[in-house]
Amino acid sequence: MGVIRMVFRIQPHVRLHEWVAEERGFFVEEGLDHEFDAGFAGGSAGGVSSAGEVPLQVRSGAFEDMQAGRPSDVSCACHWAVNAAATAEHGKMYGKAYSVCPAGIYVAADSELQQPADLAGIEVGVGYHSGSHYSALQALEAFLPREQVTLGFFGRPFDRARLLLQGRARAVNVWGAPAYVLEQRGFRKLVDTTFVMGFLLAAQVDPDDVERYFRALLRAQQEIDLEPHRYTPHWAREMPADLLELVDVRRFGPGERVVPQPYTREMFDRTQGWMREWDLLDVTTPTRYEETVLS
């Protein structure tokens, strides 16, 4: 009998790369038998996106999603959450590449909040145990004492964009398509919160398929670098209809950038040290880089 190959499941993460690789046939050319699970981005965390409802404190985010088991062979989240999830044996972190994700804390154009220091004691909307949570802390600790950093956990990125658009939040931290939505609607970036994204691999994934996937992804990055506006219409693939109708995605930027550099042992250790300093997650269990990161 011949070897049975499993379909490689890909979970896009509100970015262009997977869609560009699909359009250009890079996955096929690399011999990757694949399918998309595109349900991550457009959804909402319960109760925060419908008009008239009070924002909820949603105590579930990227880490909890990975802890529960994502239905994909490769998925993406901030490197803090992926680092912690891999440490807790919810998958392996890919160590040969990462991405850099532009992000920011946004406020209304006429907001009285003019400087990052003005956010002292002001609730900033973020996603729990997700990139917006950690990147807000990382950015704001340069401007504020830790005890003055105040966060509200308002679900997923599109939820937070809606809350700001509706005037139901004073400041939110967003990235990718939600950030471009707010910029195009005239909202103002108060402080940049750009951060590193990591890749989480399922425990039983075929290492050869992983390399096929990343070769295709890096080819897509070259395409985006060369002709970004050829591909910005792909943003619409992961946007909810109510926000899509407010904007012209052709005016969006390229979003995050995949970097073919290693996620090193030093990066791994420094990240866990920073998380322990903030008492963010239980990452006190000793772990070896070699057992956690596929390098």
Protein backbone atom coordinates (compact mmCIF):
# COMPACT_ATOMS: atom_id res chain seq x y z
CA MET A 1 0.00 0.00 0.00
CA GLY A 2 1.13 3.54 -0.70
CA VAL A 3 1.83 6.12 1.96
CA ILE A 4 -1.30 8.05 2.93
CA ARG A 5 -0.58 11.79 3.13
CA MET A 6 -2.72 13.93 5.37
CA VAL A 7 -4.08 17.26 4.18
CA PHE A 8 -2.12 20.13 5.71
CA ARG A 9 -4.55 22.51 7.41
CA ILE A 10 -3.66 26.21 7.36
CA GLN A 11 -5.25 28.86 9.58
CA PRO A 12 -4.70 32.36 8.13
CA HIS A 13 -4.39 35.14 10.67
CA VAL A 14 -5.78 38.34 9.10
CA ARG A 15 -2.86 38.82 6.71
CA LEU A 16 -2.16 38.55 3.01
CA HIS A 17 0.48 35.82 2.78
CA GLU A 18 -1.60 32.65 2.69
CA TRP A 19 -4.03 34.13 0.17
CA VAL A 20 -1.21 35.36 -2.07
CA ALA A 21 0.49 31.95 -1.92
CA GLU A 22 -2.82 30.34 -2.86
CA GLU A 23 -3.50 32.77 -5.72
CA ARG A 24 -0.03 32.36 -7.16
CA GLY A 25 -0.06 28.58 -6.82
CA PHE A 26 2.95 28.46 -4.51
CA PHE A 27 1.51 25.81 -2.20
CA VAL A 28 0.77 23.57 -5.16
CA GLU A 29 4.21 24.14 -6.68
CA GLU A 30 5.77 23.14 -3.35
CA GLY A 31 3.74 19.92 -3.39
CA LEU A 32 1.65 20.84 -0.35
CA ASP A 33 -1.75 19.16 -0.20
CA HIS A 34 -3.58 21.75 1.86
CA GLU A 35 -6.86 23.36 2.90
CA PHE A 36 -7.74 26.58 4.71
CA ASP A 37 -9.50 27.03 8.02
CA ALA A 38 -10.36 30.74 7.70
CA GLY A 39 -12.75 30.98 10.64
CA PHE A 40 -10.43 32.71 13.10
CA ALA A 41 -10.50 36.36 12.22
CA GLY A 42 -14.01 37.30 11.27
CA GLY A 43 -15.59 35.92 14.42
CA SER A 44 -16.30 37.82 17.60
CA ALA A 45 -15.91 37.03 21.26
CA GLY A 46 -19.37 36.72 22.76
CA GLY A 47 -21.35 39.85 23.23
CA VAL A 48 -18.99 42.68 22.42
CA SER A 49 -19.78 43.51 18.83
CA SER A 50 -23.52 44.12 18.67
CA ALA A 51 -24.72 47.70 18.93
CA GLY A 52 -26.12 48.69 22.31
CA GLU A 53 -24.40 45.98 24.35
CA VAL A 54 -22.03 46.84 27.17
CA PRO A 55 -18.40 45.81 26.50
CA LEU A 56 -17.55 42.61 28.31
CA GLN A 57 -14.37 41.53 30.00
CA VAL A 58 -13.57 38.54 27.77
CA ARG A 59 -11.11 36.36 29.68
CA SER A 60 -10.14 34.14 26.78
CA GLY A 61 -7.70 34.77 23.97
CA ALA A 62 -4.94 33.33 21.81
CA PHE A 63 -3.35 31.24 24.55
CA GLU A 64 -6.65 29.69 25.60
CA ASP A 65 -7.49 29.05 21.94
CA MET A 66 -4.23 27.15 21.48
CA GLN A 67 -4.67 25.40 24.80
CA ALA A 68 -8.05 24.10 23.62
CA GLY A 69 -6.45 22.81 20.40
CA ARG A 70 -6.61 24.68 17.13
CA PRO A 71 -8.06 22.75 14.16
CA SER A 72 -5.00 23.37 11.99
CA ASP A 73 -1.48 22.12 11.43
CA VAL A 74 -0.02 25.62 11.46
CA SER A 75 -1.48 28.75 13.01
CA CYS A 76 -0.20 32.10 14.16
CA ALA A 77 -0.36 34.28 17.25
CA CYS A 78 1.90 36.68 19.11
CA HIS A 79 5.23 35.15 20.04
CA TRP A 80 4.45 35.49 23.75
CA ALA A 81 1.37 33.27 23.50
CA VAL A 82 3.01 30.79 21.09
CA ASN A 83 6.07 30.60 23.35
CA ALA A 84 3.89 29.85 26.37
CA ALA A 85 1.62 27.41 24.50
CA ALA A 86 4.60 25.45 23.19
CA THR A 87 6.12 25.42 26.67
CA ALA A 88 2.86 23.95 27.97
CA GLU A 89 3.06 21.26 25.23
CA HIS A 90 0.11 22.49 23.17
CA GLY A 91 2.21 22.24 20.02
CA LYS A 92 5.66 23.25 18.85
CA MET A 93 6.91 26.71 18.02
CA TYR A 94 8.50 27.09 14.59
CA GLY A 95 12.00 28.42 15.07
CA LYS A 96 13.21 29.25 11.55
CA ALA A 97 11.01 32.28 10.93
CA TYR A 98 8.70 34.74 12.61
CA SER A 99 6.79 37.81 11.49
CA VAL A 100 6.75 41.45 12.54
CA CYS A 101 3.24 42.85 12.91
CA PRO A 102 2.57 46.61 12.80
CA ALA A 103 0.08 47.58 15.51
CA GLY A 104 -1.02 50.57 17.53
CA ILE A 105 -3.23 51.99 20.24
CA TYR A 106 -5.86 54.10 18.49
CA VAL A 107 -8.13 56.88 19.73
CA ALA A 108 -10.74 59.12 18.12
CA ALA A 109 -9.44 62.06 16.08
CA ASP A 110 -10.93 64.54 18.57
CA SER A 111 -9.91 62.59 21.69
CA GLU A 112 -8.41 64.54 24.55
CA LEU A 113 -5.77 61.79 24.76
CA GLN A 114 -2.80 63.33 22.98
CA GLN A 115 0.26 61.54 24.38
CA PRO A 116 0.92 57.97 25.56
CA ALA A 117 1.26 59.28 29.12
CA ASP A 118 -2.36 60.49 28.90
CA LEU A 119 -3.40 56.82 29.03
CA ALA A 120 -2.54 56.65 32.74
CA GLY A 121 -5.55 54.98 34.36
CA ILE A 122 -7.43 54.93 31.03
CA GLU A 123 -8.81 51.54 30.00
CA VAL A 124 -7.17 50.39 26.76
CA GLY A 125 -9.09 47.67 24.93
CA VAL A 126 -7.02 44.58 24.19
CA GLY A 127 -7.49 40.84 23.63
CA TYR A 128 -6.80 38.64 26.64
CA HIS A 129 -3.54 36.66 26.53
CA SER A 130 -3.06 37.81 22.93
CA GLY A 131 -0.70 40.07 20.99
CA SER A 132 -2.66 43.23 21.75
CA HIS A 133 -2.51 42.42 25.49
CA TYR A 134 1.23 41.87 25.65
CA SER A 135 2.21 44.53 23.10
CA ALA A 136 0.20 47.18 24.97
CA LEU A 137 2.12 46.37 28.14
CA GLN A 138 5.44 46.33 26.29
CA ALA A 139 4.77 49.70 24.64
CA LEU A 140 3.21 51.48 27.60
CA GLU A 141 5.85 50.48 30.14
CA ALA A 142 8.14 52.93 28.31
CA PHE A 143 5.77 55.80 29.21
CA LEU A 144 3.91 54.81 32.38
CA PRO A 145 4.57 53.13 35.73
CA ARG A 146 3.18 49.62 35.61
CA GLU A 147 0.48 50.37 38.16
CA GLN A 148 -0.95 53.08 35.87
CA VAL A 149 -1.37 50.77 32.86
CA THR A 150 -5.06 49.83 32.70
CA LEU A 151 -6.41 47.27 30.24
CA GLY A 152 -9.90 46.08 29.32
CA PHE A 153 -10.31 42.69 27.65
CA PHE A 154 -12.68 43.30 24.75
CA GLY A 155 -12.44 40.19 22.60
CA ARG A 156 -10.95 39.91 19.13
CA PRO A 157 -9.44 42.68 16.98
CA PHE A 158 -12.57 43.41 14.95
CA ASP A 159 -14.59 43.62 18.18
CA ARG A 160 -12.28 46.33 19.48
CA ALA A 161 -12.41 48.25 16.19
CA ARG A 162 -16.22 48.25 16.40
CA LEU A 163 -16.16 49.51 19.98
CA LEU A 164 -13.96 52.45 19.04
CA LEU A 165 -15.99 53.21 15.93
CA GLN A 166 -19.16 53.25 18.04
CA GLY A 167 -17.63 55.48 20.71
CA ARG A 168 -17.95 52.73 23.32
CA ALA A 169 -14.21 52.59 24.03
CA ARG A 170 -11.73 55.44 24.43
CA ALA A 171 -8.64 53.58 23.23
CA VAL A 172 -7.99 50.17 21.68
CA ASN A 173 -4.93 48.23 20.59
CA VAL A 174 -5.34 46.63 17.14
CA TRP A 175 -3.28 45.33 14.24
CA GLY A 176 -3.76 44.25 10.63
CA ALA A 177 -7.08 44.92 8.93
CA PRO A 178 -8.77 46.45 12.02
CA ALA A 179 -5.95 49.01 12.27
CA TYR A 180 -6.34 49.93 8.60
CA VAL A 181 -10.10 50.27 9.12
CA LEU A 182 -9.59 52.74 11.95
CA GLU A 183 -6.96 54.71 10.03
CA GLN A 184 -9.21 54.99 7.00
CA ARG A 185 -12.11 56.14 9.19
CA GLY A 186 -9.98 58.95 10.62
CA PHE A 187 -8.87 57.53 13.95
CA ARG A 188 -5.48 58.43 15.34
CA LYS A 189 -2.60 56.20 16.44
CA LEU A 190 -1.48 57.34 19.89
CA VAL A 191 1.41 54.91 20.31
CA ASP A 192 2.91 52.22 18.10
CA THR A 193 2.73 48.69 19.50
CA THR A 194 4.42 46.68 16.72
CA PHE A 195 5.25 43.16 17.89
CA VAL A 196 6.54 39.73 16.86
CA MET A 197 4.21 36.96 15.73
CA GLY A 198 5.16 33.31 16.09
CA PHE A 199 3.96 30.12 14.41
CA LEU A 200 2.46 27.19 16.31
CA LEU A 201 2.72 23.72 14.79
CA ALA A 202 0.43 20.82 15.67
CA ALA A 203 2.12 17.99 17.52
CA GLN A 204 1.72 15.43 14.74
CA VAL A 205 2.54 17.68 11.79
CA ASP A 206 4.75 16.38 8.99
CA PRO A 207 8.05 18.37 9.13
CA ASP A 208 8.37 18.20 5.34
CA ASP A 209 4.94 19.80 4.94
CA VAL A 210 5.98 22.53 7.36
CA GLU A 211 8.97 23.39 5.17
CA ARG A 212 6.79 23.34 2.05
CA TYR A 213 4.41 25.77 3.74
CA PHE A 214 7.16 28.20 4.75
CA ARG A 215 8.84 28.15 1.35
CA ALA A 216 5.49 29.14 -0.16
CA LEU A 217 4.91 31.79 2.51
CA LEU A 218 8.30 33.41 1.88
CA ARG A 219 7.65 33.44 -1.85
CA ALA A 220 4.39 35.22 -1.08
CA GLN A 221 6.30 37.75 1.00
CA GLN A 222 8.46 38.58 -2.02
CA GLU A 223 5.34 39.09 -4.11
CA ILE A 224 3.85 41.42 -1.50
CA ASP A 225 7.12 43.36 -1.29
CA LEU A 226 7.18 43.86 -5.05
CA GLU A 227 3.52 44.70 -5.72
CA PRO A 228 1.66 45.27 -2.45
CA HIS A 229 -1.38 46.96 -3.99
CA ARG A 230 -1.92 44.09 -6.38
CA TYR A 231 -2.74 41.96 -3.37
CA THR A 232 -4.47 44.27 -0.89
CA PRO A 233 -7.95 43.14 -2.13
CA HIS A 234 -7.25 39.87 -0.31
CA TRP A 235 -7.83 41.71 2.99
CA ALA A 236 -11.55 41.37 2.27
CA ARG A 237 -11.36 37.58 2.61
CA GLU A 238 -11.15 37.70 6.40
CA MET A 239 -13.16 40.83 7.18
CA PRO A 240 -16.71 40.84 8.58
CA ALA A 241 -19.27 42.42 6.27
CA ASP A 242 -20.24 45.29 8.56
CA LEU A 243 -16.67 46.62 8.63
CA LEU A 244 -15.86 45.77 5.03
CA GLU A 245 -18.62 48.06 3.80
CA LEU A 246 -17.02 51.01 5.61
CA VAL A 247 -13.68 50.91 3.78
CA ASP A 248 -11.84 50.44 0.51
CA VAL A 249 -9.33 47.63 1.10
CA ARG A 250 -7.34 48.74 -1.94
CA ARG A 251 -6.13 51.61 0.26
CA PHE A 252 -4.81 49.27 2.97
CA GLY A 253 -1.11 48.63 3.51
CA PRO A 254 0.72 45.27 3.35
CA GLY A 255 0.41 44.40 7.04
CA GLU A 256 2.82 42.09 8.79
CA ARG A 257 6.07 40.89 7.28
CA VAL A 258 7.42 37.34 7.51
CA VAL A 259 11.09 37.36 8.50
CA PRO A 260 13.25 34.35 7.52
CA GLN A 261 15.36 34.65 10.65
CA PRO A 262 15.56 32.20 13.56
CA TYR A 263 13.55 32.60 16.73
CA THR A 264 16.63 32.07 18.83
CA ARG A 265 17.22 30.64 22.27
CA GLU A 266 17.92 34.18 23.51
CA MET A 267 14.58 35.41 22.14
CA PHE A 268 12.84 32.43 23.73
CA ASP A 269 14.42 32.99 27.15
CA ARG A 270 14.01 36.78 27.15
CA THR A 271 10.35 36.43 26.25
CA GLN A 272 9.66 34.03 29.09
CA GLY A 273 11.60 36.24 31.50
CA TRP A 274 9.52 39.28 30.55
CA MET A 275 6.29 37.33 30.97
CA ARG A 276 7.36 36.20 34.44
CA GLU A 277 8.15 39.80 35.38
CA TRP A 278 4.56 40.80 34.53
CA ASP A 279 3.12 37.61 36.07
CA LEU A 280 1.21 37.02 32.85
CA LEU A 281 1.11 33.25 32.57
CA ASP A 282 2.35 30.24 34.46
CA VAL A 283 5.60 29.73 32.58
CA THR A 284 7.69 28.94 35.63
CA THR A 285 8.11 25.25 34.73
CA PRO A 286 11.66 24.78 33.40
CA THR A 287 11.69 23.93 29.72
CA ARG A 288 14.35 23.32 27.13
CA TYR A 289 14.45 25.36 23.97
CA GLU A 290 15.25 22.23 21.96
CA GLU A 291 12.10 20.47 23.21
CA THR A 292 9.82 23.44 22.55
CA VAL A 293 11.03 25.02 19.31
CA LEU A 294 11.39 23.28 15.95
CA SER A 295 14.66 24.76 14.69
